[in-house]
């Protein structure tokens, strides 16, 4: 797994966006875990922790030409998304929806970078009412012409155990099984779409 540090990355990978503003968050733990699963299956994963790689608030003046933004961070981020062939969006649930930091990251992207790309949706928190966040995320995927896979992954605080470095790791058996299923769906759809692009 490559943790993005703001520099260039070779093309052809799954881009994992950890959408918490907190360092060593549950979102980062989910992102790390799914990235490792992808790599074990032979898929390269690049993780962007949005708590570490801060993006500016989206500037509407850039909306139709994000790759030409005057902000180097936005230009680099749009290239990173454009060069990925699939994505994973991970968010904490705040007031029933995705985090502002993930929403802003997606606002700094467009159809040009995401059209036709599979996306796995993951969220943590929200208790039994947490599922509504996926409706919002699926709506965003549709508007960006991306393809959200059927499986979605919801985690709760008790699904994690602390680790010595101050972070967390997912430990709940049902959650781990759900992540495995979601990762499998993402890989399957990614493979099919990549093969179709090559055939065309």
Protein backbone atom coordinates (compact mmCIF):
# COMPACT_ATOMS: atom_id res chain seq x y z
CA UNK A 1 0.00 0.00 0.00
CA UNK A 2 1.20 3.49 -0.86
CA UNK A 3 0.25 6.30 1.50
CA UNK A 4 0.02 9.43 -0.61
CA UNK A 5 2.47 12.17 0.39
CA UNK A 6 1.59 14.76 -2.25
CA UNK A 7 4.04 13.52 -4.88
CA UNK A 8 3.38 11.67 -8.13
CA UNK A 9 2.20 8.04 -8.29
CA UNK A 10 2.27 5.65 -11.27
CA UNK A 11 -1.09 5.07 -12.99
CA UNK A 12 -3.44 2.11 -12.49
CA UNK A 13 -4.51 1.63 -8.85
CA UNK A 14 -7.43 1.87 -6.45
CA UNK A 15 -7.55 5.24 -4.70
CA UNK A 16 -8.67 4.98 -1.07
CA UNK A 17 -9.90 8.25 0.47
CA UNK A 18 -9.94 8.35 4.28
CA UNK A 19 -12.42 11.12 4.98
CA UNK A 20 -11.88 11.99 8.63
CA UNK A 21 -10.28 15.19 9.86
CA UNK A 22 -8.82 13.25 12.78
CA UNK A 23 -5.41 11.59 12.66
CA UNK A 24 -5.46 7.85 13.56
CA UNK A 25 -9.23 7.67 13.07
CA UNK A 26 -11.61 4.76 12.61
CA UNK A 27 -11.91 5.88 8.98
CA UNK A 28 -8.16 5.55 8.55
CA UNK A 29 -8.30 2.09 10.14
CA UNK A 30 -10.95 1.03 7.61
CA UNK A 31 -8.94 2.57 4.78
CA UNK A 32 -5.76 0.80 5.84
CA UNK A 33 -7.56 -2.52 6.14
CA UNK A 34 -9.28 -2.37 2.75
CA UNK A 35 -6.05 -1.20 1.11
CA UNK A 36 -4.22 -4.24 2.52
CA UNK A 37 -6.99 -6.54 1.29
CA UNK A 38 -6.75 -5.04 -2.18
CA UNK A 39 -2.99 -5.54 -2.25
CA UNK A 40 -3.31 -9.13 -1.05
CA UNK A 41 -5.59 -9.69 -4.06
CA UNK A 42 -2.94 -8.24 -6.40
CA UNK A 43 -4.42 -4.74 -6.77
CA UNK A 44 -2.22 -1.73 -6.00
CA UNK A 45 -3.79 0.67 -3.50
CA UNK A 46 -2.97 4.33 -2.87
CA UNK A 47 -4.37 5.78 0.36
CA UNK A 48 -5.01 9.49 0.87
CA UNK A 49 -5.63 10.42 4.50
CA UNK A 50 -7.46 13.73 4.28
CA UNK A 51 -6.44 14.53 7.86
CA UNK A 52 -2.85 14.66 6.62
CA UNK A 53 -3.25 15.79 3.00
CA UNK A 54 -5.28 18.97 3.42
CA UNK A 55 -7.14 20.27 0.40
CA UNK A 56 -8.38 23.85 0.06
CA UNK A 57 -12.10 24.58 0.02
CA UNK A 58 -13.39 24.01 -3.48
CA UNK A 59 -13.21 27.15 -5.60
CA UNK A 60 -16.18 27.34 -8.02
CA UNK A 61 -13.93 29.24 -10.44
CA UNK A 62 -12.00 25.96 -10.93
CA UNK A 63 -15.08 23.80 -11.39
CA UNK A 64 -14.83 23.21 -15.15
CA UNK A 65 -11.03 22.95 -15.26
CA UNK A 66 -9.88 21.51 -11.93
CA UNK A 67 -6.69 20.16 -13.49
CA UNK A 68 -5.72 23.78 -14.23
CA UNK A 69 -6.42 25.07 -10.71
CA UNK A 70 -3.90 27.64 -9.47
CA UNK A 71 -3.57 25.50 -6.31
CA UNK A 72 -0.94 22.79 -6.77
CA UNK A 73 -2.68 20.55 -4.20
CA UNK A 74 -5.85 20.48 -6.29
CA UNK A 75 -3.96 19.79 -9.51
CA UNK A 76 -2.08 16.90 -7.89
CA UNK A 77 -5.28 15.47 -6.37
CA UNK A 78 -7.17 15.58 -9.67
CA UNK A 79 -4.28 13.77 -11.39
CA UNK A 80 -4.28 11.16 -8.63
CA UNK A 81 -8.00 10.50 -9.13
CA UNK A 82 -7.76 10.58 -12.92
CA UNK A 83 -5.00 7.95 -12.90
CA UNK A 84 -6.94 5.58 -10.61
CA UNK A 85 -9.20 2.93 -12.11
CA UNK A 86 -11.32 2.48 -8.95
CA UNK A 87 -11.95 4.24 -5.64
CA UNK A 88 -12.91 3.61 -2.03
CA UNK A 89 -14.66 6.39 -0.11
CA UNK A 90 -14.43 6.09 3.68
CA UNK A 91 -16.19 8.56 5.98
CA UNK A 92 -17.22 9.08 9.57
CA UNK A 93 -20.93 9.84 9.91
CA UNK A 94 -21.66 13.38 11.08
CA UNK A 95 -25.32 14.41 11.54
CA UNK A 96 -26.45 11.53 9.35
CA UNK A 97 -24.20 12.24 6.38
CA UNK A 98 -20.61 12.17 5.15
CA UNK A 99 -17.90 14.37 6.59
CA UNK A 100 -17.25 17.86 5.27
CA UNK A 101 -13.64 16.98 4.53
CA UNK A 102 -14.64 14.09 2.23
CA UNK A 103 -17.38 16.15 0.59
CA UNK A 104 -14.87 18.92 -0.08
CA UNK A 105 -12.40 16.42 -1.56
CA UNK A 106 -15.08 15.14 -3.92
CA UNK A 107 -16.05 18.73 -4.77
CA UNK A 108 -12.44 19.11 -5.90
CA UNK A 109 -13.06 16.35 -8.47
CA UNK A 110 -15.38 16.14 -11.45
CA UNK A 111 -16.94 13.77 -13.96
CA UNK A 112 -13.74 14.05 -15.99
CA UNK A 113 -11.77 12.21 -13.29
CA UNK A 114 -14.42 9.72 -12.07
CA UNK A 115 -16.71 8.76 -14.97
CA UNK A 116 -17.20 5.01 -15.25
CA UNK A 117 -15.04 4.14 -12.25
CA UNK A 118 -16.21 1.68 -9.58
CA UNK A 119 -16.49 2.96 -6.00
CA UNK A 120 -16.77 1.05 -2.72
CA UNK A 121 -18.62 3.03 -0.03
CA UNK A 122 -17.60 2.69 3.63
CA UNK A 123 -18.72 4.59 6.75
CA UNK A 124 -18.37 4.39 10.50
CA UNK A 125 -20.58 5.65 13.31
CA UNK A 126 -24.23 6.64 13.29
CA UNK A 127 -25.52 3.58 15.15
CA UNK A 128 -28.59 1.92 13.70
CA UNK A 129 -29.43 5.12 11.82
CA UNK A 130 -26.11 5.21 9.97
CA UNK A 131 -27.38 3.77 6.71
CA UNK A 132 -28.70 7.09 5.35
CA UNK A 133 -25.14 8.23 4.61
CA UNK A 134 -24.94 5.69 1.81
CA UNK A 135 -27.92 7.25 0.03
CA UNK A 136 -26.04 10.56 0.01
CA UNK A 137 -22.80 8.95 -1.16
CA UNK A 138 -24.55 7.00 -3.91
CA UNK A 139 -26.19 10.21 -5.11
CA UNK A 140 -22.76 11.82 -5.33
CA UNK A 141 -21.39 8.81 -7.22
CA UNK A 142 -24.25 9.00 -9.73
CA UNK A 143 -23.69 12.73 -10.26
CA UNK A 144 -19.99 12.09 -10.86
CA UNK A 145 -20.88 9.26 -13.31
CA UNK A 146 -19.06 6.76 -11.07
CA UNK A 147 -20.46 3.28 -10.32
CA UNK A 148 -20.99 2.44 -6.65
CA UNK A 149 -20.83 -1.32 -6.01
CA UNK A 150 -23.82 -3.00 -4.38
CA UNK A 151 -22.10 -3.89 -1.11
CA UNK A 152 -21.64 -1.03 1.37
CA UNK A 153 -19.73 -1.26 4.64
CA UNK A 154 -20.96 0.28 7.91
CA UNK A 155 -18.81 0.04 11.05
CA UNK A 156 -19.51 1.02 14.66
CA UNK A 157 -17.05 2.07 17.35
CA UNK A 158 -17.22 -1.30 19.08
CA UNK A 159 -16.06 -3.01 15.88
CA UNK A 160 -12.50 -1.74 16.45
CA UNK A 161 -9.67 -2.42 18.88
CA UNK A 162 -6.90 0.08 19.73
CA UNK A 163 -3.35 -0.61 18.54
CA UNK A 164 -0.08 0.55 20.14
CA UNK A 165 0.56 3.46 17.75
CA UNK A 166 -2.62 5.17 18.91
CA UNK A 167 -4.78 4.08 15.99
CA UNK A 168 -7.31 1.29 15.58
CA UNK A 169 -7.88 -1.92 13.70
CA UNK A 170 -11.21 -3.50 12.73
CA UNK A 171 -11.76 -6.75 14.63
CA UNK A 172 -15.47 -7.59 14.40
CA UNK A 173 -15.96 -10.77 12.38
CA UNK A 174 -19.10 -9.56 10.59
CA UNK A 175 -17.42 -6.27 9.66
CA UNK A 176 -14.34 -8.07 8.33
CA UNK A 177 -16.56 -10.36 6.27
CA UNK A 178 -18.46 -7.36 4.90
CA UNK A 179 -15.20 -5.63 3.93
CA UNK A 180 -14.04 -8.78 2.17
CA UNK A 181 -17.31 -8.97 0.24
CA UNK A 182 -17.17 -5.28 -0.72
CA UNK A 183 -13.55 -5.57 -1.81
CA UNK A 184 -14.42 -8.59 -3.92
CA UNK A 185 -17.25 -6.73 -5.64
CA UNK A 186 -14.98 -3.75 -6.30
CA UNK A 187 -12.25 -5.92 -7.80
CA UNK A 188 -14.71 -7.85 -9.94
CA UNK A 189 -16.33 -4.72 -11.38
CA UNK A 190 -12.95 -3.02 -11.85
CA UNK A 191 -11.62 -6.00 -13.76
CA UNK A 192 -14.69 -6.14 -15.99
CA UNK A 193 -14.58 -2.42 -16.79
CA UNK A 194 -10.82 -2.41 -17.44
CA UNK A 195 -11.20 -5.38 -19.81
CA UNK A 196 -14.05 -3.59 -21.60
CA UNK A 197 -11.93 -0.44 -22.07
CA UNK A 198 -9.09 -2.55 -23.51
CA UNK A 199 -11.52 -4.35 -25.85
CA UNK A 200 -13.00 -1.08 -27.11
